C-alpha cells in the first residue's frame, strides 16, 4: 500500500463531499433557527421576524454556490491547488453572530 493511499489522499472526492454535507447541515440548522425565531413573533414582533428573515436570506444566498464550490474543490484536489470559500464562511459567521445577538436581546426583552 502506498503512502498516498494510507493518508487517505487517494480518493479526491470524499473530502469535498464531506464539506458539502457539512455546509448542508449548517444551512438546515439556519432554517431551523429561523423557525424557532418565528415562535417568538407573537410576543416580540420585529425582534423575532428580522433574525428569521436574516437566517432565511443567508441560506438562500449561500445554498446556490455550494455545488459550484464542490466541483471546484474536486478539480482543485486533482490539481493540488484548492482555494478556500472565504466569502461564504465570513458571511455565515456574521449571520450566526447577528442571530446570537438577536436571541440574547430577545431574552432580555421579555414582555
PDB file of N, CA and C in Angstrom:
ATOM      1  N   UNK A   1       0.848  -1.175   0.000  1.00  0.00           N
ATOM      2  CA  UNK A   1       0.000   0.000   0.000  1.00  0.00           C
ATOM      3  C   UNK A   1       0.893   1.238   0.000  1.00  0.00           C
ATOM      4  N   UNK A   2       0.573   2.164  -0.856  1.00  0.00           N
ATOM      5  CA  UNK A   2       1.414   3.353  -0.969  1.00  0.00           C
ATOM      6  C   UNK A   2       1.127   4.354   0.142  1.00  0.00           C
ATOM      7  N   UNK A   3       2.075   5.270   0.324  1.00  0.00           N
ATOM      8  CA  UNK A   3       1.937   6.324   1.345  1.00  0.00           C
ATOM      9  C   UNK A   3       0.720   7.200   1.057  1.00  0.00           C
ATOM     10  N   UNK A   4       0.477   7.477  -0.208  1.00  0.00           N
ATOM     11  CA  UNK A   4      -0.643   8.343  -0.576  1.00  0.00           C
ATOM     12  C   UNK A   4      -1.976   7.729  -0.178  1.00  0.00           C
ATOM     13  N   UNK A   5      -2.160   6.436  -0.390  1.00  0.00           N
ATOM     14  CA  UNK A   5      -3.394   5.757  -0.018  1.00  0.00           C
ATOM     15  C   UNK A   5      -3.553   5.684   1.489  1.00  0.00           C
ATOM     16  N   UNK A   6      -2.466   5.471   2.221  1.00  0.00           N
ATOM     17  CA  UNK A   6      -2.535   5.389   3.680  1.00  0.00           C
ATOM     18  C   UNK A   6      -3.015   6.698   4.293  1.00  0.00           C
ATOM     19  N   UNK A   7      -2.669   7.808   3.699  1.00  0.00           N
ATOM     20  CA  UNK A   7      -3.075   9.105   4.238  1.00  0.00           C
ATOM     21  C   UNK A   7      -4.478   9.498   3.811  1.00  0.00           C
ATOM     22  N   UNK A   8      -5.121   8.690   3.000  1.00  0.00           N
ATOM     23  CA  UNK A   8      -6.469   8.992   2.570  1.00  0.00           C
ATOM     24  C   UNK A   8      -6.548  10.025   1.470  1.00  0.00           C
ATOM     25  N   UNK A   9      -5.427  10.314   0.797  1.00  0.00           N
ATOM     26  CA  UNK A   9      -5.431  11.316  -0.252  1.00  0.00           C
ATOM     27  C   UNK A   9      -5.666  10.706  -1.622  1.00  0.00           C
ATOM     28  N   UNK A  10      -5.803   9.408  -1.695  1.00  0.00           N
ATOM     29  CA  UNK A  10      -6.008   8.764  -2.976  1.00  0.00           C
ATOM     30  C   UNK A  10      -7.392   8.995  -3.546  1.00  0.00           C
ATOM     31  N   UNK A  11      -8.373   9.221  -2.702  1.00  0.00           N
ATOM     32  CA  UNK A  11      -9.737   9.453  -3.156  1.00  0.00           C
ATOM     33  C   UNK A  11     -10.048  10.936  -3.052  1.00  0.00           C
ATOM     34  N   UNK A  12     -10.025  11.617  -4.177  1.00  0.00           N
ATOM     35  CA  UNK A  12     -10.179  13.077  -4.167  1.00  0.00           C
ATOM     36  C   UNK A  12     -11.621  13.526  -3.992  1.00  0.00           C
ATOM     37  N   UNK A  13     -12.587  12.615  -4.008  1.00  0.00           N
ATOM     38  CA  UNK A  13     -13.984  13.033  -3.929  1.00  0.00           C
ATOM     39  C   UNK A  13     -14.565  13.083  -2.532  1.00  0.00           C
ATOM     40  N   UNK A  14     -13.933  12.419  -1.575  1.00  0.00           N
ATOM     41  CA  UNK A  14     -14.543  12.328  -0.251  1.00  0.00           C
ATOM     42  C   UNK A  14     -14.455  13.617   0.549  1.00  0.00           C
ATOM     43  N   UNK A  15     -13.325  14.280   0.561  1.00  0.00           N
ATOM     44  CA  UNK A  15     -13.185  15.479   1.368  1.00  0.00           C
ATOM     45  C   UNK A  15     -14.129  16.587   0.898  1.00  0.00           C
ATOM     46  N   UNK A  16     -14.223  16.879  -0.387  1.00  0.00           N
ATOM     47  CA  UNK A  16     -15.198  17.898  -0.819  1.00  0.00           C
ATOM     48  C   UNK A  16     -16.638  17.479  -0.517  1.00  0.00           C
ATOM     49  N   UNK A  17     -16.919  16.182  -0.610  1.00  0.00           N
ATOM     50  CA  UNK A  17     -18.272  15.725  -0.317  1.00  0.00           C
ATOM     51  C   UNK A  17     -18.603  15.912   1.162  1.00  0.00           C
ATOM     52  N   UNK A  18     -17.648  15.618   2.045  1.00  0.00           N
ATOM     53  CA  UNK A  18     -17.868  15.854   3.479  1.00  0.00           C
ATOM     54  C   UNK A  18     -18.083  17.330   3.758  1.00  0.00           C
ATOM     55  N   UNK A  19     -17.338  18.185   3.072  1.00  0.00           N
ATOM     56  CA  UNK A  19     -17.503  19.626   3.242  1.00  0.00           C
ATOM     57  C   UNK A  19     -18.879  20.069   2.770  1.00  0.00           C
ATOM     58  N   UNK A  20     -19.324  19.553   1.628  1.00  0.00           N
ATOM     59  CA  UNK A  20     -20.648  19.880   1.117  1.00  0.00           C
ATOM     60  C   UNK A  20     -21.737  19.441   2.088  1.00  0.00           C
ATOM     61  N   UNK A  21     -21.590  18.243   2.638  1.00  0.00           N
ATOM     62  CA  UNK A  21     -22.573  17.752   3.617  1.00  0.00           C
ATOM     63  C   UNK A  21     -22.581  18.617   4.873  1.00  0.00           C
ATOM     64  N   UNK A  22     -21.415  19.054   5.317  1.00  0.00           N
ATOM     65  CA  UNK A  22     -21.343  19.923   6.493  1.00  0.00           C
ATOM     66  C   UNK A  22     -22.028  21.259   6.233  1.00  0.00           C
ATOM     67  N   UNK A  23     -21.814  21.819   5.059  1.00  0.00           N
ATOM     68  CA  UNK A  23     -22.487  23.077   4.707  1.00  0.00           C
ATOM     69  C   UNK A  23     -23.992  22.876   4.657  1.00  0.00           C
ATOM     70  N   UNK A  24     -24.454  21.761   4.092  1.00  0.00           N
ATOM     71  CA  UNK A  24     -25.894  21.486   4.039  1.00  0.00           C
ATOM     72  C   UNK A  24     -26.484  21.354   5.440  1.00  0.00           C
ATOM     73  N   UNK A  25     -25.771  20.691   6.337  1.00  0.00           N
ATOM     74  CA  UNK A  25     -26.253  20.585   7.731  1.00  0.00           C
ATOM     75  C   UNK A  25     -26.318  21.949   8.388  1.00  0.00           C
ATOM     76  N   UNK A  26     -25.326  22.784   8.134  1.00  0.00           N
ATOM     77  CA  UNK A  26     -25.299  24.123   8.711  1.00  0.00           C
ATOM     78  C   UNK A  26     -26.466  24.955   8.199  1.00  0.00           C
ATOM     79  N   UNK A  27     -26.731  24.874   6.897  1.00  0.00           N
ATOM     80  CA  UNK A  27     -27.842  25.633   6.336  1.00  0.00           C
ATOM     81  C   UNK A  27     -29.184  25.112   6.833  1.00  0.00           C
ATOM     82  N   UNK A  28     -29.299  23.814   7.041  1.00  0.00           N
ATOM     83  CA  UNK A  28     -30.521  23.255   7.631  1.00  0.00           C
ATOM     84  C   UNK A  28     -30.699  23.785   9.055  1.00  0.00           C
ATOM     85  N   UNK A  29     -29.616  23.875   9.802  1.00  0.00           N
ATOM     86  CA  UNK A  29     -29.683  24.435  11.157  1.00  0.00           C
ATOM     87  C   UNK A  29     -30.119  25.896  11.120  1.00  0.00           C
ATOM     88  N   UNK A  30     -29.703  26.637  10.096  1.00  0.00           N
ATOM     89  CA  UNK A  30     -30.128  28.034   9.950  1.00  0.00           C
ATOM     90  C   UNK A  30     -31.640  28.114   9.713  1.00  0.00           C
ATOM     91  N   UNK A  31     -32.183  27.217   8.914  1.00  0.00           N
ATOM     92  CA  UNK A  31     -33.627  27.205   8.665  1.00  0.00           C
ATOM     93  C   UNK A  31     -34.376  26.858   9.947  1.00  0.00           C
ATOM     94  N   UNK A  32     -33.869  25.888  10.699  1.00  0.00           N
ATOM     95  CA  UNK A  32     -34.495  25.523  11.973  1.00  0.00           C
ATOM     96  C   UNK A  32     -34.437  26.700  12.949  1.00  0.00           C
ATOM     97  N   UNK A  33     -33.312  27.381  12.995  1.00  0.00           N
ATOM     98  CA  UNK A  33     -33.167  28.566  13.848  1.00  0.00           C
ATOM     99  C   UNK A  33     -34.173  29.640  13.434  1.00  0.00           C
ATOM    100  N   UNK A  34     -34.381  29.795  12.149  1.00  0.00           N
ATOM    101  CA  UNK A  34     -35.362  30.752  11.648  1.00  0.00           C
ATOM    102  C   UNK A  34     -36.768  30.402  12.150  1.00  0.00           C
ATOM    103  N   UNK A  35     -37.097  29.128  12.118  1.00  0.00           N
ATOM    104  CA  UNK A  35     -38.408  28.690  12.610  1.00  0.00           C
ATOM    105  C   UNK A  35     -38.548  28.931  14.111  1.00  0.00           C
ATOM    106  N   UNK A  36     -37.478  28.719  14.852  1.00  0.00           N
ATOM    107  CA  UNK A  36     -37.529  28.967  16.291  1.00  0.00           C
ATOM    108  C   UNK A  36     -37.743  30.453  16.596  1.00  0.00           C
ATOM    109  N   UNK A  37     -37.112  31.320  15.816  1.00  0.00           N
ATOM    110  CA  UNK A  37     -37.342  32.753  15.998  1.00  0.00           C
ATOM    111  C   UNK A  37     -38.794  33.110  15.690  1.00  0.00           C
ATOM    112  N   UNK A  38     -39.396  32.460  14.712  1.00  0.00           N
ATOM    113  CA  UNK A  38     -40.790  32.753  14.374  1.00  0.00           C
ATOM    114  C   UNK A  38     -41.747  32.383  15.504  1.00  0.00           C
ATOM    115  N   UNK A  39     -41.347  31.449  16.339  1.00  0.00           N
ATOM    116  CA  UNK A  39     -42.179  31.112  17.503  1.00  0.00           C
ATOM    117  C   UNK A  39     -42.299  32.290  18.453  1.00  0.00           C
ATOM    118  N   UNK A  40     -41.305  33.181  18.448  1.00  0.00           N
ATOM    119  CA  UNK A  40     -41.320  34.358  19.321  1.00  0.00           C
ATOM    120  C   UNK A  40     -42.082  35.526  18.709  1.00  0.00           C
ATOM    121  N   UNK A  41     -42.505  35.411  17.469  1.00  0.00           N
ATOM    122  CA  UNK A  41     -43.149  36.533  16.768  1.00  0.00           C
ATOM    123  C   UNK A  41     -44.371  37.106  17.488  1.00  0.00           C
ATOM    124  N   UNK A  42     -45.249  36.296  18.075  1.00  0.00           N
ATOM    125  CA  UNK A  42     -46.416  36.895  18.746  1.00  0.00           C
ATOM    126  C   UNK A  42     -46.048  37.810  19.924  1.00  0.00           C
ATOM    127  N   UNK A  43     -44.959  37.535  20.599  1.00  0.00           N
ATOM    128  CA  UNK A  43     -44.610  38.355  21.760  1.00  0.00           C
ATOM    129  C   UNK A  43     -43.536  39.391  21.474  1.00  0.00           C
ATOM    130  N   UNK A  44     -42.642  39.128  20.525  1.00  0.00           N
ATOM    131  CA  UNK A  44     -41.519  40.036  20.273  1.00  0.00           C
ATOM    132  C   UNK A  44     -41.597  40.782  18.938  1.00  0.00           C
ATOM    133  N   UNK A  45     -42.612  40.553  18.154  1.00  0.00           N
ATOM    134  CA  UNK A  45     -42.835  41.177  16.845  1.00  0.00           C
ATOM    135  C   UNK A  45     -41.561  41.254  15.997  1.00  0.00           C
ATOM    136  N   UNK A  46     -41.086  42.450  15.680  1.00  0.00           N
ATOM    137  CA  UNK A  46     -39.970  42.647  14.753  1.00  0.00           C
ATOM    138  C   UNK A  46     -38.677  42.023  15.253  1.00  0.00           C
ATOM    139  N   UNK A  47     -38.522  41.924  16.579  1.00  0.00           N
ATOM    140  CA  UNK A  47     -37.289  41.362  17.136  1.00  0.00           C
ATOM    141  C   UNK A  47     -37.171  39.863  16.849  1.00  0.00           C
ATOM    142  N   UNK A  48     -38.264  39.237  16.474  1.00  0.00           N
ATOM    143  CA  UNK A  48     -38.232  37.829  16.079  1.00  0.00           C
ATOM    144  C   UNK A  48     -38.277  37.666  14.564  1.00  0.00           C
ATOM    145  N   UNK A  49     -38.950  38.567  13.889  1.00  0.00           N
ATOM    146  CA  UNK A  49     -39.113  38.437  12.438  1.00  0.00           C
ATOM    147  C   UNK A  49     -37.833  38.802  11.692  1.00  0.00           C
ATOM    148  N   UNK A  50     -37.115  39.817  12.157  1.00  0.00           N
ATOM    149  CA  UNK A  50     -35.876  40.243  11.479  1.00  0.00           C
ATOM    150  C   UNK A  50     -34.817  39.132  11.469  1.00  0.00           C
ATOM    151  N   UNK A  51     -34.506  38.509  12.610  1.00  0.00           N
ATOM    152  CA  UNK A  51     -33.494  37.436  12.545  1.00  0.00           C
ATOM    153  C   UNK A  51     -33.964  36.220  11.758  1.00  0.00           C
ATOM    154  N   UNK A  52     -35.265  35.965  11.775  1.00  0.00           N
ATOM    155  CA  UNK A  52     -35.781  34.856  10.981  1.00  0.00           C
ATOM    156  C   UNK A  52     -35.553  35.119   9.495  1.00  0.00           C
ATOM    157  N   UNK A  53     -35.842  36.337   9.072  1.00  0.00           N
ATOM    158  CA  UNK A  53     -35.588  36.717   7.674  1.00  0.00           C
ATOM    159  C   UNK A  53     -34.113  36.700   7.339  1.00  0.00           C
ATOM    160  N   UNK A  54     -33.282  37.128   8.299  1.00  0.00           N
ATOM    161  CA  UNK A  54     -31.829  37.125   8.102  1.00  0.00           C
ATOM    162  C   UNK A  54     -31.312  35.703   7.881  1.00  0.00           C
ATOM    163  N   UNK A  55     -31.792  34.771   8.675  1.00  0.00           N
ATOM    164  CA  UNK A  55     -31.350  33.375   8.537  1.00  0.00           C
ATOM    165  C   UNK A  55     -31.797  32.787   7.207  1.00  0.00           C
ATOM    166  N   UNK A  56     -33.029  33.068   6.810  1.00  0.00           N
ATOM    167  CA  UNK A  56     -33.510  32.545   5.533  1.00  0.00           C
ATOM    168  C   UNK A  56     -32.790  33.190   4.352  1.00  0.00           C
ATOM    169  N   UNK A  57     -32.504  34.481   4.459  1.00  0.00           N
ATOM    170  CA  UNK A  57     -31.780  35.167   3.381  1.00  0.00           C
ATOM    171  C   UNK A  57     -30.358  34.615   3.246  1.00  0.00           C
ATOM    172  N   UNK A  58     -29.697  34.386   4.375  1.00  0.00           N
ATOM    173  CA  UNK A  58     -28.340  33.826   4.326  1.00  0.00           C
ATOM    174  C   UNK A  58     -28.357  32.440   3.686  1.00  0.00           C
ATOM    175  N   UNK A  59     -29.352  31.644   4.024  1.00  0.00           N
ATOM    176  CA  UNK A  59     -29.471  30.313   3.438  1.00  0.00           C
ATOM    177  C   UNK A  59     -29.702  30.409   1.932  1.00  0.00           C
ATOM    178  N   UNK A  60     -30.568  31.324   1.524  1.00  0.00           N
ATOM    179  CA  UNK A  60     -30.878  31.477   0.101  1.00  0.00           C
ATOM    180  C   UNK A  60     -29.680  31.993  -0.696  1.00  0.00           C
ATOM    181  N   UNK A  61     -28.817  32.777  -0.067  1.00  0.00           N
ATOM    182  CA  UNK A  61     -27.647  33.315  -0.768  1.00  0.00           C
ATOM    183  C   UNK A  61     -26.526  32.278  -0.857  1.00  0.00           C
ATOM    184  N   UNK A  62     -26.306  31.524   0.216  1.00  0.00           N
ATOM    185  CA  UNK A  62     -25.178  30.590   0.273  1.00  0.00           C
ATOM    186  C   UNK A  62     -25.466  29.300  -0.492  1.00  0.00           C
ATOM    187  N   UNK A  63     -26.672  28.788  -0.429  1.00  0.00           N
ATOM    188  CA  UNK A  63     -27.004  27.477  -0.988  1.00  0.00           C
ATOM    189  C   UNK A  63     -26.697  27.324  -2.477  1.00  0.00           C
ATOM    190  N   UNK A  64     -27.036  28.269  -3.337  1.00  0.00           N
ATOM    191  CA  UNK A  64     -26.787  28.045  -4.768  1.00  0.00           C
ATOM    192  C   UNK A  64     -25.310  27.864  -5.132  1.00  0.00           C
ATOM    193  N   UNK A  65     -24.401  28.442  -4.393  1.00  0.00           N
ATOM    194  CA  UNK A  65     -22.985  28.336  -4.725  1.00  0.00           C
ATOM    195  C   UNK A  65     -22.301  27.078  -4.224  1.00  0.00           C
ATOM    196  N   UNK A  66     -23.008  26.257  -3.450  1.00  0.00           N
ATOM    197  CA  UNK A  66     -22.363  25.076  -2.865  1.00  0.00           C
ATOM    198  C   UNK A  66     -21.924  24.055  -3.915  1.00  0.00           C
ATOM    199  N   UNK A  67     -22.761  23.779  -4.884  1.00  0.00           N
ATOM    200  CA  UNK A  67     -22.409  22.790  -5.918  1.00  0.00           C
ATOM    201  C   UNK A  67     -21.207  23.251  -6.733  1.00  0.00           C
ATOM    202  N   UNK A  68     -21.174  24.550  -7.030  1.00  0.00           N
ATOM    203  CA  UNK A  68     -20.036  25.091  -7.794  1.00  0.00           C
ATOM    204  C   UNK A  68     -18.753  24.952  -6.987  1.00  0.00           C
ATOM    205  N   UNK A  69     -18.807  25.290  -5.682  1.00  0.00           N
ATOM    206  CA  UNK A  69     -17.613  25.153  -4.842  1.00  0.00           C
ATOM    207  C   UNK A  69     -17.205  23.689  -4.693  1.00  0.00           C
ATOM    208  N   UNK A  70     -18.189  22.782  -4.678  1.00  0.00           N
ATOM    209  CA  UNK A  70     -17.886  21.352  -4.614  1.00  0.00           C
ATOM    210  C   UNK A  70     -17.093  20.924  -5.850  1.00  0.00           C
ATOM    211  N   UNK A  71     -17.581  21.311  -7.036  1.00  0.00           N
ATOM    212  CA  UNK A  71     -16.879  20.947  -8.279  1.00  0.00           C
ATOM    213  C   UNK A  71     -15.480  21.547  -8.321  1.00  0.00           C
ATOM    214  N   UNK A  72     -15.348  22.812  -7.894  1.00  0.00           N
ATOM    215  CA  UNK A  72     -14.027  23.444  -7.874  1.00  0.00           C
ATOM    216  C   UNK A  72     -13.083  22.748  -6.895  1.00  0.00           C
ATOM    217  N   UNK A  73     -13.622  22.271  -5.779  1.00  0.00           N
ATOM    218  CA  UNK A  73     -12.781  21.565  -4.805  1.00  0.00           C
ATOM    219  C   UNK A  73     -12.282  20.242  -5.354  1.00  0.00           C
ATOM    220  N   UNK A  74     -13.153  19.516  -6.032  1.00  0.00           N
ATOM    221  CA  UNK A  74     -12.743  18.233  -6.615  1.00  0.00           C
ATOM    222  C   UNK A  74     -11.659  18.458  -7.675  1.00  0.00           C
ATOM    223  N   UNK A  75     -11.856  19.452  -8.517  1.00  0.00           N
ATOM    224  CA  UNK A  75     -10.853  19.771  -9.535  1.00  0.00           C
ATOM    225  C   UNK A  75      -9.563  20.259  -8.878  1.00  0.00           C
ATOM    226  N   UNK A  76      -9.701  21.101  -7.850  1.00  0.00           N
ATOM    227  CA  UNK A  76      -8.531  21.640  -7.155  1.00  0.00           C
ATOM    228  C   UNK A  76      -7.707  20.575  -6.464  1.00  0.00           C
ATOM    229  N   UNK A  77      -8.368  19.576  -5.877  1.00  0.00           N
ATOM    230  CA  UNK A  77      -7.616  18.493  -5.229  1.00  0.00           C
ATOM    231  C   UNK A  77      -6.843  17.702  -6.272  1.00  0.00           C
ATOM    232  N   UNK A  78      -7.463  17.490  -7.425  1.00  0.00           N
ATOM    233  CA  UNK A  78      -6.754  16.800  -8.504  1.00  0.00           C
ATOM    234  C   UNK A  78      -5.538  17.581  -8.977  1.00  0.00           C
ATOM    235  N   UNK A  79      -5.639  18.901  -8.975  1.00  0.00           N
ATOM    236  CA  UNK A  79      -4.530  19.761  -9.398  1.00  0.00           C
ATOM    237  C   UNK A  79      -3.617  20.158  -8.247  1.00  0.00           C
ATOM    238  N   UNK A  80      -3.943  19.701  -7.042  1.00  0.00           N
ATOM    239  CA  UNK A  80      -3.209  20.016  -5.816  1.00  0.00           C
ATOM    240  C   UNK A  80      -3.172  21.518  -5.532  1.00  0.00           C
ATOM    241  N   UNK A  81      -4.282  22.176  -5.814  1.00  0.00           N
ATOM    242  CA  UNK A  81      -4.404  23.602  -5.513  1.00  0.00           C
ATOM    243  C   UNK A  81      -5.880  23.904  -5.247  1.00  0.00           C
ATOM    244  N   UNK A  82      -6.222  24.096  -3.967  1.00  0.00           N
ATOM    245  CA  UNK A  82      -7.608  24.348  -3.569  1.00  0.00           C
ATOM    246  C   UNK A  82      -7.688  25.696  -2.881  1.00  0.00           C
ATOM    247  N   UNK A  83      -8.650  26.511  -3.311  1.00  0.00           N
ATOM    248  CA  UNK A  83      -8.871  27.818  -2.685  1.00  0.00           C
ATOM    249  C   UNK A  83     -10.054  27.712  -1.727  1.00  0.00           C
ATOM    250  N   UNK A  84      -9.941  28.370  -0.591  1.00  0.00           N
ATOM    251  CA  UNK A  84     -10.999  28.344   0.417  1.00  0.00           C
ATOM    252  C   UNK A  84     -12.134  29.277   0.018  1.00  0.00           C
ATOM    253  N   UNK A  85     -13.352  28.921   0.427  1.00  0.00           N
ATOM    254  CA  UNK A  85     -14.518  29.769   0.205  1.00  0.00           C
ATOM    255  C   UNK A  85     -14.653  30.780   1.333  1.00  0.00           C
ATOM    256  N   UNK A  86     -13.828  31.807   1.305  1.00  0.00           N
ATOM    257  CA  UNK A  86     -13.764  32.781   2.391  1.00  0.00           C
ATOM    258  C   UNK A  86     -15.051  33.594   2.492  1.00  0.00           C
ATOM    259  N   UNK A  87     -15.624  33.974   1.374  1.00  0.00           N
ATOM    260  CA  UNK A  87     -16.819  34.813   1.386  1.00  0.00           C
ATOM    261  C   UNK A  87     -17.993  34.149   2.083  1.00  0.00           C
ATOM    262  N   UNK A  88     -18.270  32.901   1.733  1.00  0.00           N
ATOM    263  CA  UNK A  88     -19.394  32.189   2.346  1.00  0.00           C
ATOM    264  C   UNK A  88     -19.150  31.957   3.834  1.00  0.00           C
ATOM    265  N   UNK A  89     -17.925  31.619   4.185  1.00  0.00           N
ATOM    266  CA  UNK A  89     -17.595  31.386   5.592  1.00  0.00           C
ATOM    267  C   UNK A  89     -17.728  32.665   6.407  1.00  0.00           C
ATOM    268  N   UNK A  90     -17.235  33.760   5.878  1.00  0.00           N
ATOM    269  CA  UNK A  90     -17.346  35.047   6.566  1.00  0.00           C
ATOM    270  C   UNK A  90     -18.804  35.475   6.681  1.00  0.00           C
ATOM    271  N   UNK A  91     -19.556  35.333   5.605  1.00  0.00           N
ATOM    272  CA  UNK A  91     -20.978  35.690   5.633  1.00  0.00           C
ATOM    273  C   UNK A  91     -21.763  34.880   6.639  1.00  0.00           C
ATOM    274  N   UNK A  92     -21.506  33.580   6.678  1.00  0.00           N
ATOM    275  CA  UNK A  92     -22.198  32.726   7.637  1.00  0.00           C
ATOM    276  C   UNK A  92     -21.799  33.068   9.066  1.00  0.00           C
ATOM    277  N   UNK A  93     -20.541  33.382   9.289  1.00  0.00           N
ATOM    278  CA  UNK A  93     -20.082  33.767  10.631  1.00  0.00           C
ATOM    279  C   UNK A  93     -20.758  35.049  11.104  1.00  0.00           C
ATOM    280  N   UNK A  94     -20.874  36.011  10.220  1.00  0.00           N
ATOM    281  CA  UNK A  94     -21.551  37.271  10.562  1.00  0.00           C
ATOM    282  C   UNK A  94     -23.025  37.015  10.861  1.00  0.00           C
ATOM    283  N   UNK A  95     -23.652  36.173  10.059  1.00  0.00           N
ATOM    284  CA  UNK A  95     -25.068  35.865  10.256  1.00  0.00           C
ATOM    285  C   UNK A  95     -25.308  35.148  11.587  1.00  0.00           C
ATOM    286  N   UNK A  96     -24.472  34.182  11.911  1.00  0.00           N
ATOM    287  CA  UNK A  96     -24.624  33.455  13.177  1.00  0.00           C
ATOM    288  C   UNK A  96     -24.400  34.389  14.364  1.00  0.00           C
ATOM    289  N   UNK A  97     -23.428  35.282  14.260  1.00  0.00           N
ATOM    290  CA  UNK A  97     -23.193  36.253  15.325  1.00  0.00           C
ATOM    291  C   UNK A  97     -24.395  37.175  15.498  1.00  0.00           C
ATOM    292  N   UNK A  98     -24.953  37.650  14.395  1.00  0.00           N
ATOM    293  CA  UNK A  98     -26.132  38.522  14.461  1.00  0.00           C
ATOM    294  C   UNK A  98     -27.329  37.786  15.056  1.00  0.00           C
ATOM    295  N   UNK A  99     -27.528  36.529  14.662  1.00  0.00           N
ATOM    296  CA  UNK A  99     -28.629  35.746  15.231  1.00  0.00           C
ATOM    297  C   UNK A  99     -28.453  35.556  16.731  1.00  0.00           C
ATOM    298  N   UNK A 100     -27.231  35.325  17.156  1.00  0.00           N
ATOM    299  CA  UNK A 100     -26.959  35.168  18.586  1.00  0.00           C
ATOM    300  C   UNK A 100     -27.283  36.449  19.345  1.00  0.00           C
ATOM    301  N   UNK A 101     -26.892  37.578  18.787  1.00  0.00           N
ATOM    302  CA  UNK A 101     -27.183  38.859  19.431  1.00  0.00           C
ATOM    303  C   UNK A 101     -28.683  39.125  19.492  1.00  0.00           C
ATOM    304  N   UNK A 102     -29.403  38.841  18.422  1.00  0.00           N
ATOM    305  CA  UNK A 102     -30.859  38.999  18.447  1.00  0.00           C
ATOM    306  C   UNK A 102     -31.482  38.096  19.505  1.00  0.00           C
ATOM    307  N   UNK A 103     -30.996  36.859  19.608  1.00  0.00           N
ATOM    308  CA  UNK A 103     -31.518  35.932  20.612  1.00  0.00           C
ATOM    309  C   UNK A 103     -31.283  36.429  22.027  1.00  0.00           C
ATOM    310  N   UNK A 104     -30.102  36.960  22.286  1.00  0.00           N
ATOM    311  CA  UNK A 104     -29.786  37.487  23.622  1.00  0.00           C
ATOM    312  C   UNK A 104     -30.655  38.696  23.947  1.00  0.00           C
ATOM    313  N   UNK A 105     -30.800  39.592  22.981  1.00  0.00           N
ATOM    314  CA  UNK A 105     -31.634  40.780  23.199  1.00  0.00           C
ATOM    315  C   UNK A 105     -33.086  40.370  23.434  1.00  0.00           C
ATOM    316  N   UNK A 106     -33.590  39.408  22.652  1.00  0.00           N
ATOM    317  CA  UNK A 106     -34.980  38.959  22.812  1.00  0.00           C
ATOM    318  C   UNK A 106     -35.206  38.327  24.175  1.00  0.00           C
ATOM    319  N   UNK A 107     -34.204  37.618  24.698  1.00  0.00           N
ATOM    320  CA  UNK A 107     -34.366  37.007  26.010  1.00  0.00           C
ATOM    321  C   UNK A 107     -34.456  38.057  27.121  1.00  0.00           C
ATOM    322  N   UNK A 108     -33.708  39.140  26.970  1.00  0.00           N
ATOM    323  CA  UNK A 108     -33.738  40.182  27.993  1.00  0.00           C
ATOM    324  C   UNK A 108     -34.926  41.115  27.849  1.00  0.00           C
ATOM    325  N   UNK A 109     -35.574  41.107  26.714  1.00  0.00           N
ATOM    326  CA  UNK A 109     -36.745  41.972  26.491  1.00  0.00           C
ATOM    327  C   UNK A 109     -38.038  41.181  26.611  1.00  0.00           C
ATOM    328  N   UNK A 110     -38.134  40.355  27.593  1.00  0.00           N
ATOM    329  CA  UNK A 110     -39.362  39.576  27.792  1.00  0.00           C
ATOM    330  C   UNK A 110     -40.515  40.510  28.129  1.00  0.00           C
ATOM    331  N   UNK A 111     -41.713  40.198  27.587  1.00  0.00           N
ATOM    332  CA  UNK A 111     -42.861  41.039  27.873  1.00  0.00           C
ATOM    333  C   UNK A 111     -43.375  40.877  29.307  1.00  0.00           C
TER     334      UNK A 111
END
